Amino acid sequence: MSKKISIMIFDDHNLVAEMWSELINSDERFSVIGICNDTTEKSIETVKTKRPDIVIMDINIQPNSGIDATKMVKKVSPGTKVIGVSMHNQPSFAKRMLKNGALGYVTKSSNRNEMFEAILSVNDGKIFVCKEIQENLSKQVFEDDETPDISKLSEREVEVLKYIKDGMSSKEIAETLFLSTRTVEVHRSNILKKLNLKNTATLLKFIHNSSLDI
């Protein structure tokens, strides 16, 4: 039997990381050799020591986002390939991960077979982007140029937009995200500017009239 593909998982939710590990280890082609719950310098050094073939990186991990941590991983272990994992299905996040050195990107809506396909493709040095991102990218290509483009938003702005969609006030969003109300208001203002919308009323209209999946 050929050598198993060695994998490390970076996810700050223990249960999620353990579920990924159990799922991946259920396939005899793969072996999870470590789990890291943060992206501190100590955790990144573990990659340098273990030299896994693949790192599965949650892009929302702290203290360094998975997008930034990907660069750190590639610096200490150039031969390690990175697959980004996120709840966000906007192509902009996949683009950022790939720009920082990742070869793969899957959303948390991806199924087991798609994750396995991502591991095998990336291990062979091929770029892999899940079907959900590919479909959303295709939609963007055929959308009218005047349509507000959510991919212009930062990760935090998408998060704020999600709570606006849920009907939460700036104060409620601030409490949920542990931010000041002023900071949330700044994010709301930036969202309007980037989407080229005049006010909150037009933003709400855009949210409710579009098939926004965030």
N, C-alpha and C. Protein backbone atom coordinates (compact mmCIF):
# COMPACT_ATOMS: atom_id res chain seq x y z
N MET A 1 0.84 -1.20 0.00
CA MET A 1 0.00 0.00 0.00
C MET A 1 0.88 1.25 0.00
N SER A 2 0.49 2.25 -0.77
CA SER A 2 1.28 3.48 -0.84
C SER A 2 1.16 4.28 0.45
N LYS A 3 2.09 5.20 0.65
CA LYS A 3 2.12 6.02 1.85
C LYS A 3 0.85 6.86 1.98
N LYS A 4 0.32 6.92 3.19
CA LYS A 4 -0.88 7.71 3.43
C LYS A 4 -0.57 9.20 3.32
N ILE A 5 -1.55 9.96 2.88
CA ILE A 5 -1.41 11.42 2.83
C ILE A 5 -1.58 11.96 4.24
N SER A 6 -0.54 12.63 4.75
CA SER A 6 -0.59 13.16 6.12
C SER A 6 -1.27 14.53 6.15
N ILE A 7 -2.11 14.73 7.13
CA ILE A 7 -2.96 15.93 7.19
C ILE A 7 -2.98 16.53 8.59
N MET A 8 -2.91 17.86 8.66
CA MET A 8 -3.13 18.59 9.91
C MET A 8 -4.36 19.47 9.74
N ILE A 9 -5.14 19.60 10.81
CA ILE A 9 -6.37 20.39 10.78
C ILE A 9 -6.24 21.60 11.70
N PHE A 10 -6.56 22.78 11.15
CA PHE A 10 -6.59 24.01 11.94
C PHE A 10 -8.04 24.48 12.04
N ASP A 11 -8.61 24.38 13.23
CA ASP A 11 -9.99 24.85 13.45
C ASP A 11 -10.13 25.15 14.94
N ASP A 12 -10.68 26.34 15.26
CA ASP A 12 -10.77 26.72 16.67
C ASP A 12 -11.99 26.15 17.39
N HIS A 13 -12.78 25.34 16.71
CA HIS A 13 -13.88 24.63 17.35
C HIS A 13 -13.49 23.17 17.51
N ASN A 14 -13.26 22.74 18.77
CA ASN A 14 -12.77 21.39 19.01
C ASN A 14 -13.64 20.31 18.39
N LEU A 15 -14.95 20.45 18.55
CA LEU A 15 -15.87 19.43 18.05
C LEU A 15 -15.78 19.32 16.53
N VAL A 16 -15.73 20.47 15.85
CA VAL A 16 -15.63 20.48 14.39
C VAL A 16 -14.33 19.81 13.95
N ALA A 17 -13.22 20.18 14.61
CA ALA A 17 -11.92 19.62 14.26
C ALA A 17 -11.91 18.10 14.46
N GLU A 18 -12.50 17.64 15.57
CA GLU A 18 -12.53 16.21 15.85
C GLU A 18 -13.41 15.46 14.84
N MET A 19 -14.52 16.10 14.43
CA MET A 19 -15.39 15.49 13.42
C MET A 19 -14.68 15.36 12.08
N TRP A 20 -13.95 16.44 11.70
CA TRP A 20 -13.17 16.39 10.45
C TRP A 20 -12.14 15.27 10.53
N SER A 21 -11.47 15.18 11.70
CA SER A 21 -10.42 14.18 11.88
C SER A 21 -10.98 12.76 11.74
N GLU A 22 -12.11 12.52 12.40
CA GLU A 22 -12.73 11.19 12.35
C GLU A 22 -13.17 10.85 10.93
N LEU A 23 -13.74 11.83 10.25
CA LEU A 23 -14.20 11.63 8.88
C LEU A 23 -13.03 11.30 7.95
N ILE A 24 -11.98 12.08 8.05
CA ILE A 24 -10.82 11.90 7.16
C ILE A 24 -10.10 10.59 7.46
N ASN A 25 -9.94 10.27 8.74
CA ASN A 25 -9.26 9.03 9.11
C ASN A 25 -10.05 7.77 8.74
N SER A 26 -11.34 7.96 8.42
CA SER A 26 -12.16 6.80 8.02
C SER A 26 -11.76 6.29 6.64
N ASP A 27 -10.99 7.08 5.91
CA ASP A 27 -10.49 6.67 4.60
C ASP A 27 -9.03 6.24 4.74
N GLU A 28 -8.73 5.05 4.33
CA GLU A 28 -7.39 4.49 4.54
C GLU A 28 -6.29 5.21 3.75
N ARG A 29 -6.67 6.10 2.84
CA ARG A 29 -5.66 6.84 2.08
C ARG A 29 -5.09 8.02 2.87
N PHE A 30 -5.77 8.40 3.97
CA PHE A 30 -5.41 9.61 4.70
C PHE A 30 -5.07 9.33 6.16
N SER A 31 -4.24 10.21 6.73
CA SER A 31 -3.91 10.10 8.16
C SER A 31 -3.80 11.49 8.77
N VAL A 32 -4.67 11.80 9.73
CA VAL A 32 -4.59 13.09 10.43
C VAL A 32 -3.53 12.99 11.51
N ILE A 33 -2.49 13.81 11.39
CA ILE A 33 -1.35 13.70 12.32
C ILE A 33 -1.31 14.84 13.34
N GLY A 34 -2.33 15.70 13.30
CA GLY A 34 -2.35 16.78 14.29
C GLY A 34 -3.54 17.71 14.12
N ILE A 35 -3.97 18.30 15.25
CA ILE A 35 -5.05 19.29 15.25
C ILE A 35 -4.57 20.52 16.00
N CYS A 36 -4.76 21.69 15.43
CA CYS A 36 -4.41 22.95 16.09
C CYS A 36 -5.67 23.81 16.21
N ASN A 37 -5.91 24.35 17.39
CA ASN A 37 -7.12 25.14 17.64
C ASN A 37 -6.89 26.64 17.56
N ASP A 38 -5.68 27.04 17.12
CA ASP A 38 -5.39 28.46 16.93
C ASP A 38 -4.27 28.60 15.91
N THR A 39 -3.92 29.85 15.60
CA THR A 39 -2.83 30.09 14.64
C THR A 39 -1.72 30.91 15.29
N THR A 40 -1.43 30.58 16.54
CA THR A 40 -0.32 31.23 17.22
C THR A 40 0.99 30.74 16.59
N GLU A 41 2.07 31.41 16.93
CA GLU A 41 3.39 31.03 16.40
C GLU A 41 3.73 29.59 16.77
N LYS A 42 3.32 29.18 17.98
CA LYS A 42 3.59 27.82 18.46
C LYS A 42 2.89 26.79 17.57
N SER A 43 1.64 27.07 17.19
CA SER A 43 0.89 26.14 16.34
C SER A 43 1.51 26.06 14.95
N ILE A 44 1.91 27.20 14.42
CA ILE A 44 2.53 27.20 13.09
C ILE A 44 3.85 26.44 13.12
N GLU A 45 4.57 26.53 14.24
CA GLU A 45 5.83 25.79 14.38
C GLU A 45 5.59 24.27 14.33
N THR A 46 4.39 23.85 14.76
CA THR A 46 4.05 22.42 14.71
C THR A 46 4.04 21.92 13.27
N VAL A 47 3.62 22.78 12.36
CA VAL A 47 3.63 22.44 10.93
C VAL A 47 5.08 22.25 10.47
N LYS A 48 5.93 23.14 10.93
CA LYS A 48 7.36 23.06 10.57
C LYS A 48 7.97 21.74 11.04
N THR A 49 7.54 21.31 12.24
CA THR A 49 8.07 20.07 12.81
C THR A 49 7.52 18.82 12.13
N LYS A 50 6.20 18.81 11.92
CA LYS A 50 5.54 17.61 11.40
C LYS A 50 5.55 17.51 9.87
N ARG A 51 5.68 18.65 9.19
CA ARG A 51 5.72 18.68 7.72
C ARG A 51 4.59 17.85 7.09
N PRO A 52 3.34 18.16 7.38
CA PRO A 52 2.25 17.40 6.78
C PRO A 52 2.16 17.64 5.27
N ASP A 53 1.58 16.68 4.56
CA ASP A 53 1.35 16.89 3.13
C ASP A 53 0.30 17.97 2.90
N ILE A 54 -0.72 17.95 3.78
CA ILE A 54 -1.86 18.85 3.63
C ILE A 54 -2.20 19.52 4.95
N VAL A 55 -2.55 20.81 4.90
CA VAL A 55 -3.16 21.50 6.04
C VAL A 55 -4.56 21.92 5.64
N ILE A 56 -5.55 21.55 6.45
CA ILE A 56 -6.93 22.00 6.25
C ILE A 56 -7.15 23.18 7.19
N MET A 57 -7.37 24.36 6.60
CA MET A 57 -7.36 25.61 7.36
C MET A 57 -8.72 26.30 7.37
N ASP A 58 -9.31 26.42 8.57
CA ASP A 58 -10.54 27.20 8.72
C ASP A 58 -10.17 28.68 8.58
N ILE A 59 -10.82 29.42 7.70
CA ILE A 59 -10.38 30.80 7.47
C ILE A 59 -10.81 31.75 8.59
N ASN A 60 -11.72 31.31 9.47
CA ASN A 60 -12.17 32.18 10.57
C ASN A 60 -11.41 31.95 11.87
N ILE A 61 -10.37 31.15 11.83
CA ILE A 61 -9.60 30.83 13.03
C ILE A 61 -8.87 32.08 13.56
N GLN A 62 -8.52 32.07 14.83
CA GLN A 62 -7.84 33.18 15.48
C GLN A 62 -6.52 32.69 16.09
N PRO A 63 -5.56 33.57 16.44
CA PRO A 63 -5.60 35.04 16.32
C PRO A 63 -5.33 35.55 14.90
N ASN A 64 -4.61 34.76 14.11
CA ASN A 64 -4.41 35.14 12.70
C ASN A 64 -5.47 34.42 11.88
N SER A 65 -6.13 35.13 10.98
CA SER A 65 -7.14 34.48 10.15
C SER A 65 -6.48 33.38 9.32
N GLY A 66 -7.30 32.46 8.84
CA GLY A 66 -6.77 31.39 8.00
C GLY A 66 -6.12 31.92 6.74
N ILE A 67 -6.60 33.07 6.27
CA ILE A 67 -6.02 33.70 5.08
C ILE A 67 -4.58 34.10 5.35
N ASP A 68 -4.35 34.74 6.52
CA ASP A 68 -2.99 35.14 6.89
C ASP A 68 -2.14 33.94 7.30
N ALA A 69 -2.77 32.99 8.00
CA ALA A 69 -2.03 31.82 8.48
C ALA A 69 -1.53 30.95 7.33
N THR A 70 -2.23 31.00 6.20
CA THR A 70 -1.79 30.22 5.03
C THR A 70 -0.40 30.66 4.59
N LYS A 71 -0.18 31.97 4.59
CA LYS A 71 1.16 32.49 4.25
C LYS A 71 2.19 31.99 5.24
N MET A 72 1.83 31.98 6.53
CA MET A 72 2.74 31.55 7.58
C MET A 72 3.10 30.08 7.41
N VAL A 73 2.10 29.25 7.07
CA VAL A 73 2.33 27.83 6.87
C VAL A 73 3.27 27.60 5.68
N LYS A 74 3.03 28.30 4.60
CA LYS A 74 3.86 28.14 3.40
C LYS A 74 5.30 28.59 3.64
N LYS A 75 5.45 29.54 4.55
CA LYS A 75 6.80 30.04 4.85
C LYS A 75 7.61 29.01 5.62
N VAL A 76 6.97 28.34 6.62
CA VAL A 76 7.72 27.38 7.45
C VAL A 76 7.78 25.99 6.82
N SER A 77 6.83 25.69 5.92
CA SER A 77 6.81 24.37 5.28
C SER A 77 6.33 24.50 3.84
N PRO A 78 7.20 24.95 2.94
CA PRO A 78 6.81 25.22 1.55
C PRO A 78 6.17 24.04 0.83
N GLY A 79 6.53 22.83 1.22
CA GLY A 79 6.00 21.65 0.55
C GLY A 79 4.59 21.28 0.98
N THR A 80 4.12 21.88 2.06
CA THR A 80 2.77 21.59 2.56
C THR A 80 1.73 22.32 1.72
N LYS A 81 0.69 21.61 1.31
CA LYS A 81 -0.39 22.23 0.54
C LYS A 81 -1.54 22.59 1.48
N VAL A 82 -2.20 23.71 1.22
CA VAL A 82 -3.26 24.20 2.10
C VAL A 82 -4.62 24.17 1.41
N ILE A 83 -5.62 23.69 2.15
CA ILE A 83 -7.02 23.73 1.70
C ILE A 83 -7.78 24.63 2.67
N GLY A 84 -8.38 25.70 2.16
CA GLY A 84 -9.18 26.58 3.00
C GLY A 84 -10.58 26.03 3.18
N VAL A 85 -11.12 26.19 4.39
CA VAL A 85 -12.49 25.76 4.68
C VAL A 85 -13.23 26.93 5.32
N SER A 86 -14.44 27.20 4.84
CA SER A 86 -15.18 28.35 5.37
C SER A 86 -16.68 28.16 5.23
N MET A 87 -17.42 28.88 6.08
CA MET A 87 -18.89 28.89 5.94
C MET A 87 -19.29 29.86 4.84
N HIS A 88 -18.36 30.75 4.42
CA HIS A 88 -18.66 31.73 3.39
C HIS A 88 -18.57 31.12 1.99
N ASN A 89 -19.59 31.37 1.18
CA ASN A 89 -19.59 30.80 -0.17
C ASN A 89 -19.35 31.86 -1.24
N GLN A 90 -18.77 32.98 -0.84
CA GLN A 90 -18.47 34.03 -1.81
C GLN A 90 -17.09 33.80 -2.42
N PRO A 91 -16.97 33.87 -3.75
CA PRO A 91 -15.69 33.61 -4.43
C PRO A 91 -14.54 34.48 -3.94
N SER A 92 -14.84 35.66 -3.40
CA SER A 92 -13.76 36.56 -2.97
C SER A 92 -12.88 35.92 -1.89
N PHE A 93 -13.49 35.13 -1.00
CA PHE A 93 -12.71 34.49 0.06
C PHE A 93 -11.81 33.39 -0.51
N ALA A 94 -12.33 32.66 -1.47
CA ALA A 94 -11.52 31.63 -2.14
C ALA A 94 -10.35 32.28 -2.86
N LYS A 95 -10.60 33.40 -3.51
CA LYS A 95 -9.53 34.11 -4.23
C LYS A 95 -8.42 34.54 -3.28
N ARG A 96 -8.81 35.06 -2.12
CA ARG A 96 -7.80 35.51 -1.15
C ARG A 96 -6.95 34.34 -0.64
N MET A 97 -7.62 33.22 -0.38
CA MET A 97 -6.86 32.04 0.08
C MET A 97 -5.87 31.58 -0.98
N LEU A 98 -6.33 31.50 -2.22
CA LEU A 98 -5.45 31.05 -3.30
C LEU A 98 -4.30 32.03 -3.52
N LYS A 99 -4.61 33.32 -3.39
CA LYS A 99 -3.57 34.34 -3.57
C LYS A 99 -2.48 34.21 -2.51
N ASN A 100 -2.87 33.75 -1.31
CA ASN A 100 -1.91 33.62 -0.21
C ASN A 100 -1.21 32.26 -0.17
N GLY A 101 -1.48 31.43 -1.19
CA GLY A 101 -0.72 30.19 -1.30
C GLY A 101 -1.50 28.91 -1.17
N ALA A 102 -2.81 29.00 -0.86
CA ALA A 102 -3.63 27.78 -0.78
C ALA A 102 -3.83 27.21 -2.18
N LEU A 103 -4.08 25.92 -2.25
CA LEU A 103 -4.38 25.28 -3.55
C LEU A 103 -5.84 24.85 -3.62
N GLY A 104 -6.51 24.81 -2.46
CA GLY A 104 -7.90 24.35 -2.46
C GLY A 104 -8.79 25.19 -1.59
N TYR A 105 -10.09 25.13 -1.85
CA TYR A 105 -11.08 25.86 -1.06
C TYR A 105 -12.40 25.11 -1.11
N VAL A 106 -12.92 24.76 0.07
CA VAL A 106 -14.24 24.12 0.16
C VAL A 106 -15.06 24.86 1.20
N THR A 107 -16.38 24.85 1.04
CA THR A 107 -17.25 25.45 2.05
C THR A 107 -17.71 24.36 3.01
N LYS A 108 -18.29 24.80 4.13
CA LYS A 108 -18.76 23.83 5.11
C LYS A 108 -20.05 23.16 4.66
N SER A 109 -20.52 23.55 3.48
CA SER A 109 -21.67 22.86 2.88
C SER A 109 -21.20 21.70 2.00
N SER A 110 -19.90 21.64 1.76
CA SER A 110 -19.35 20.56 0.91
C SER A 110 -19.54 19.21 1.60
N ASN A 111 -19.74 18.17 0.79
CA ASN A 111 -19.91 16.85 1.38
C ASN A 111 -18.56 16.13 1.50
N ARG A 112 -18.61 14.97 2.11
CA ARG A 112 -17.41 14.17 2.37
C ARG A 112 -16.63 13.86 1.08
N ASN A 113 -17.34 13.47 0.03
CA ASN A 113 -16.67 13.11 -1.22
C ASN A 113 -15.93 14.30 -1.83
N GLU A 114 -16.54 15.49 -1.69
CA GLU A 114 -15.90 16.68 -2.25
C GLU A 114 -14.64 17.03 -1.47
N MET A 115 -14.67 16.85 -0.15
CA MET A 115 -13.47 17.08 0.66
C MET A 115 -12.37 16.09 0.28
N PHE A 116 -12.73 14.83 0.10
CA PHE A 116 -11.74 13.82 -0.28
C PHE A 116 -11.15 14.14 -1.66
N GLU A 117 -12.01 14.59 -2.56
CA GLU A 117 -11.55 14.98 -3.90
C GLU A 117 -10.58 16.16 -3.81
N ALA A 118 -10.90 17.10 -2.91
CA ALA A 118 -10.02 18.27 -2.70
C ALA A 118 -8.65 17.83 -2.20
N ILE A 119 -8.62 16.92 -1.24
CA ILE A 119 -7.36 16.44 -0.68
C ILE A 119 -6.50 15.77 -1.76
N LEU A 120 -7.12 14.91 -2.53
CA LEU A 120 -6.38 14.18 -3.58
C LEU A 120 -5.87 15.12 -4.67
N SER A 121 -6.70 16.07 -5.08
CA SER A 121 -6.30 17.02 -6.13
C SER A 121 -5.17 17.91 -5.68
N VAL A 122 -5.33 18.48 -4.49
CA VAL A 122 -4.32 19.39 -3.95
C VAL A 122 -3.01 18.65 -3.68
N ASN A 123 -3.10 17.42 -3.21
CA ASN A 123 -1.89 16.63 -2.96
C ASN A 123 -1.11 16.41 -4.24
N ASP A 124 -1.83 16.36 -5.39
CA ASP A 124 -1.18 16.21 -6.70
C ASP A 124 -0.74 17.55 -7.28
N GLY A 125 -0.90 18.63 -6.50
CA GLY A 125 -0.48 19.95 -6.97
C GLY A 125 -1.49 20.67 -7.83
N LYS A 126 -2.72 20.17 -7.86
CA LYS A 126 -3.78 20.79 -8.67
C LYS A 126 -4.63 21.72 -7.80
N ILE A 127 -5.15 22.77 -8.42
CA ILE A 127 -6.05 23.68 -7.72
C ILE A 127 -7.45 23.06 -7.68
N PHE A 128 -8.07 23.13 -6.49
CA PHE A 128 -9.43 22.60 -6.34
C PHE A 128 -10.32 23.62 -5.67
N VAL A 129 -11.44 23.95 -6.32
CA VAL A 129 -12.44 24.85 -5.74
C VAL A 129 -13.78 24.12 -5.79
N CYS A 130 -14.48 24.08 -4.67
CA CYS A 130 -15.72 23.30 -4.59
C CYS A 130 -16.79 23.81 -5.56
N LYS A 131 -17.76 22.97 -5.85
CA LYS A 131 -18.81 23.28 -6.82
C LYS A 131 -19.61 24.52 -6.44
N GLU A 132 -19.86 24.70 -5.14
CA GLU A 132 -20.66 25.84 -4.68
C GLU A 132 -19.99 27.16 -5.07
N ILE A 133 -18.68 27.25 -4.88
CA ILE A 133 -17.94 28.46 -5.25
C ILE A 133 -17.93 28.63 -6.76
N GLN A 134 -17.72 27.54 -7.49
CA GLN A 134 -17.71 27.61 -8.96
C GLN A 134 -19.04 28.14 -9.49
N GLU A 135 -20.14 27.66 -8.90
CA GLU A 135 -21.47 28.10 -9.34
C GLU A 135 -21.69 29.58 -9.05
N ASN A 136 -21.27 30.02 -7.86
CA ASN A 136 -21.42 31.43 -7.51
C ASN A 136 -20.55 32.33 -8.38
N LEU A 137 -19.39 31.83 -8.75
CA LEU A 137 -18.50 32.58 -9.63
C LEU A 137 -19.14 32.73 -11.01
N SER A 138 -19.77 31.66 -11.49
CA SER A 138 -20.45 31.70 -12.78
C SER A 138 -21.60 32.70 -12.76
N LYS A 139 -22.34 32.75 -11.64
CA LYS A 139 -23.45 33.69 -11.51
C LYS A 139 -22.95 35.12 -11.60
N GLN A 140 -21.81 35.39 -10.95
CA GLN A 140 -21.24 36.75 -10.95
C GLN A 140 -20.87 37.17 -12.36
N VAL A 141 -20.34 36.23 -13.14
CA VAL A 141 -19.91 36.54 -14.51
C VAL A 141 -21.09 37.01 -15.36
N PHE A 142 -22.26 36.38 -15.13
CA PHE A 142 -23.42 36.70 -15.95
C PHE A 142 -24.34 37.75 -15.35
N GLU A 143 -24.02 38.22 -14.14
CA GLU A 143 -24.83 39.28 -13.53
C GLU A 143 -24.56 40.61 -14.21
N ASP A 144 -25.56 41.48 -14.16
CA ASP A 144 -25.40 42.84 -14.69
C ASP A 144 -24.36 43.58 -13.87
N ASP A 145 -23.56 44.40 -14.52
CA ASP A 145 -22.49 45.15 -13.84
C ASP A 145 -23.02 46.07 -12.75
N GLU A 146 -24.30 46.50 -12.88
CA GLU A 146 -24.86 47.42 -11.91
C GLU A 146 -25.29 46.72 -10.63
N THR A 147 -25.38 45.39 -10.65
CA THR A 147 -25.81 44.65 -9.47
C THR A 147 -24.74 44.75 -8.38
N PRO A 148 -25.13 45.11 -7.14
CA PRO A 148 -24.17 45.18 -6.04
C PRO A 148 -23.38 43.88 -5.91
N ASP A 149 -22.09 43.99 -5.77
CA ASP A 149 -21.21 42.82 -5.73
C ASP A 149 -20.74 42.58 -4.31
N ILE A 150 -21.30 41.56 -3.65
CA ILE A 150 -20.98 41.27 -2.26
C ILE A 150 -19.53 40.82 -2.07
N SER A 151 -18.90 40.35 -3.14
CA SER A 151 -17.51 39.88 -3.02
C SER A 151 -16.53 41.02 -2.72
N LYS A 152 -17.02 42.27 -2.83
CA LYS A 152 -16.17 43.42 -2.50
C LYS A 152 -16.03 43.60 -0.99
N LEU A 153 -16.91 42.94 -0.22
CA LEU A 153 -16.92 43.11 1.23
C LEU A 153 -15.85 42.27 1.91
N SER A 154 -15.37 42.77 3.04
CA SER A 154 -14.42 42.01 3.85
C SER A 154 -15.18 40.92 4.59
N GLU A 155 -14.42 40.01 5.19
CA GLU A 155 -15.03 38.91 5.94
C GLU A 155 -15.91 39.45 7.07
N ARG A 156 -15.42 40.46 7.80
CA ARG A 156 -16.19 41.05 8.91
C ARG A 156 -17.45 41.75 8.40
N GLU A 157 -17.35 42.42 7.26
CA GLU A 157 -18.50 43.12 6.69
C GLU A 157 -19.59 42.13 6.26
N VAL A 158 -19.17 40.98 5.74
CA VAL A 158 -20.14 39.94 5.38
C VAL A 158 -20.85 39.43 6.64
N GLU A 159 -20.07 39.33 7.72
CA GLU A 159 -20.64 38.88 8.99
C GLU A 159 -21.69 39.88 9.49
N VAL A 160 -21.36 41.17 9.42
CA VAL A 160 -22.30 42.22 9.84
C VAL A 160 -23.54 42.19 8.95
N LEU A 161 -23.32 42.02 7.65
CA LEU A 161 -24.44 41.98 6.69
C LEU A 161 -25.40 40.83 7.02
N LYS A 162 -24.84 39.70 7.44
CA LYS A 162 -25.67 38.55 7.80
C LYS A 162 -26.61 38.91 8.94
N TYR A 163 -26.08 39.63 9.93
CA TYR A 163 -26.92 40.00 11.08
C TYR A 163 -27.94 41.08 10.72
N ILE A 164 -27.56 41.97 9.78
CA ILE A 164 -28.53 42.95 9.29
C ILE A 164 -29.67 42.22 8.60
N LYS A 165 -29.31 41.20 7.82
CA LYS A 165 -30.31 40.37 7.13
C LYS A 165 -31.25 39.72 8.12
N ASP A 166 -30.72 39.35 9.31
CA ASP A 166 -31.53 38.71 10.34
C ASP A 166 -32.37 39.71 11.13
N GLY A 167 -32.24 41.00 10.79
CA GLY A 167 -33.05 42.03 11.43
C GLY A 167 -32.49 42.59 12.72
N MET A 168 -31.20 42.38 12.98
CA MET A 168 -30.60 42.86 14.22
C MET A 168 -30.18 44.32 14.11
N SER A 169 -30.28 45.05 15.21
CA SER A 169 -29.86 46.45 15.26
C SER A 169 -28.34 46.52 15.41
N SER A 170 -27.78 47.71 15.23
CA SER A 170 -26.32 47.87 15.38
C SER A 170 -25.88 47.50 16.79
N LYS A 171 -26.69 47.86 17.77
CA LYS A 171 -26.36 47.54 19.17
C LYS A 171 -26.33 46.03 19.38
N GLU A 172 -27.33 45.33 18.83
CA GLU A 172 -27.40 43.87 18.98
C GLU A 172 -26.24 43.19 18.26
N ILE A 173 -25.90 43.70 17.08
CA ILE A 173 -24.76 43.15 16.32
C ILE A 173 -23.46 43.36 17.11
N ALA A 174 -23.32 44.56 17.68
CA ALA A 174 -22.12 44.88 18.47
C ALA A 174 -21.97 43.92 19.64
N GLU A 175 -23.05 43.64 20.33
CA GLU A 175 -23.01 42.74 21.49
C GLU A 175 -22.67 41.31 21.05
N THR A 176 -23.21 40.90 19.92
CA THR A 176 -22.96 39.54 19.41
C THR A 176 -21.51 39.35 18.99
N LEU A 177 -20.93 40.38 18.35
CA LEU A 177 -19.57 40.28 17.82
C LEU A 177 -18.51 40.84 18.77
N PHE A 178 -18.97 41.30 19.96
CA PHE A 178 -18.06 41.90 20.95
C PHE A 178 -17.32 43.10 20.37
N LEU A 179 -18.08 43.96 19.69
CA LEU A 179 -17.54 45.18 19.12
C LEU A 179 -18.28 46.37 19.72
N SER A 180 -17.77 47.56 19.49
CA SER A 180 -18.49 48.76 19.91
C SER A 180 -19.57 49.06 18.87
N THR A 181 -20.63 49.73 19.31
CA THR A 181 -21.70 50.10 18.37
C THR A 181 -21.15 50.99 17.28
N ARG A 182 -20.21 51.86 17.65
CA ARG A 182 -19.58 52.77 16.67
C ARG A 182 -18.87 51.97 15.57
N THR A 183 -18.15 50.91 15.96
CA THR A 183 -17.45 50.08 14.98
C THR A 183 -18.43 49.42 14.01
N VAL A 184 -19.55 48.94 14.55
CA VAL A 184 -20.56 48.32 13.69
C VAL A 184 -21.13 49.34 12.71
N GLU A 185 -21.36 50.58 13.20
CA GLU A 185 -21.87 51.64 12.32
C GLU A 185 -20.89 51.94 11.19
N VAL A 186 -19.59 51.89 11.49
CA VAL A 186 -18.56 52.11 10.47
C VAL A 186 -18.63 50.99 9.42
N HIS A 187 -18.80 49.75 9.90
CA HIS A 187 -18.93 48.62 8.97
C HIS A 187 -20.16 48.79 8.09
N ARG A 188 -21.28 49.22 8.69
CA ARG A 188 -22.51 49.42 7.91
C ARG A 188 -22.30 50.48 6.83
N SER A 189 -21.59 51.55 7.20
CA SER A 189 -21.31 52.62 6.25
C SER A 189 -20.44 52.12 5.10
N ASN A 190 -19.42 51.32 5.44
CA ASN A 190 -18.53 50.76 4.41
C ASN A 190 -19.27 49.80 3.49
N ILE A 191 -20.21 49.04 4.06
CA ILE A 191 -21.01 48.11 3.26
C ILE A 191 -21.80 48.88 2.21
N LEU A 192 -22.43 49.98 2.63
CA LEU A 192 -23.22 50.80 1.70
C LEU A 192 -22.35 51.35 0.58
N LYS A 193 -21.16 51.84 0.95
CA LYS A 193 -20.24 52.41 -0.05
C LYS A 193 -19.79 51.36 -1.05
N LYS A 194 -19.37 50.20 -0.56
CA LYS A 194 -18.85 49.15 -1.43
C LYS A 194 -19.92 48.55 -2.34
N LEU A 195 -21.16 48.53 -1.85
CA LEU A 195 -22.25 47.99 -2.66
C LEU A 195 -22.95 49.07 -3.49
N ASN A 196 -22.45 50.31 -3.32
CA ASN A 196 -23.00 51.43 -4.08
C ASN A 196 -24.50 51.61 -3.81
N LEU A 197 -24.85 51.53 -2.53
CA LEU A 197 -26.23 51.71 -2.11
C LEU A 197 -26.35 52.99 -1.28
N LYS A 198 -27.49 53.67 -1.38
CA LYS A 198 -27.62 55.01 -0.78
C LYS A 198 -27.84 55.00 0.73
N ASN A 199 -28.64 54.07 1.21
CA ASN A 199 -28.99 54.07 2.63
C ASN A 199 -29.41 52.68 3.08
N THR A 200 -29.77 52.58 4.37
CA THR A 200 -30.16 51.28 4.93
C THR A 200 -31.39 50.71 4.24
N ALA A 201 -32.31 51.59 3.85
CA ALA A 201 -33.53 51.13 3.18
C ALA A 201 -33.21 50.40 1.87
N THR A 202 -32.29 50.98 1.08
CA THR A 202 -31.91 50.32 -0.18
C THR A 202 -31.11 49.05 0.08
N LEU A 203 -30.35 49.04 1.18
CA LEU A 203 -29.61 47.83 1.55
C LEU A 203 -30.58 46.70 1.89
N LEU A 204 -31.59 47.01 2.70
CA LEU A 204 -32.58 46.00 3.07
C LEU A 204 -33.34 45.50 1.85
N LYS A 205 -33.63 46.42 0.93
CA LYS A 205 -34.32 46.03 -0.30
C LYS A 205 -33.45 45.07 -1.11
N PHE A 206 -32.15 45.40 -1.20
CA PHE A 206 -31.21 44.54 -1.92
C PHE A 206 -31.15 43.15 -1.29
N ILE A 207 -31.08 43.10 0.06
CA ILE A 207 -30.99 41.82 0.78
C ILE A 207 -32.22 40.97 0.51
N HIS A 208 -33.41 41.58 0.60
CA HIS A 208 -34.65 40.83 0.48
C HIS A 208 -35.02 40.48 -0.97
N ASN A 209 -34.52 41.26 -1.91
CA ASN A 209 -34.85 41.01 -3.32
C ASN A 209 -33.84 40.07 -4.00
N SER A 210 -32.71 39.84 -3.34
CA SER A 210 -31.69 38.98 -3.94
C SER A 210 -31.71 37.62 -3.24
N SER A 211 -31.09 36.65 -3.90
CA SER A 211 -30.99 35.31 -3.30
C SER A 211 -29.68 35.22 -2.53
N LEU A 212 -29.50 36.15 -1.60
CA LEU A 212 -28.25 36.27 -0.87
C LEU A 212 -28.07 35.09 0.08
N ASP A 213 -26.99 34.36 -0.08
CA ASP A 213 -26.74 33.19 0.75
C ASP A 213 -25.50 33.43 1.59
N ILE A 214 -25.72 33.96 2.79
CA ILE A 214 -24.59 34.26 3.68
C ILE A 214 -24.85 33.72 5.08
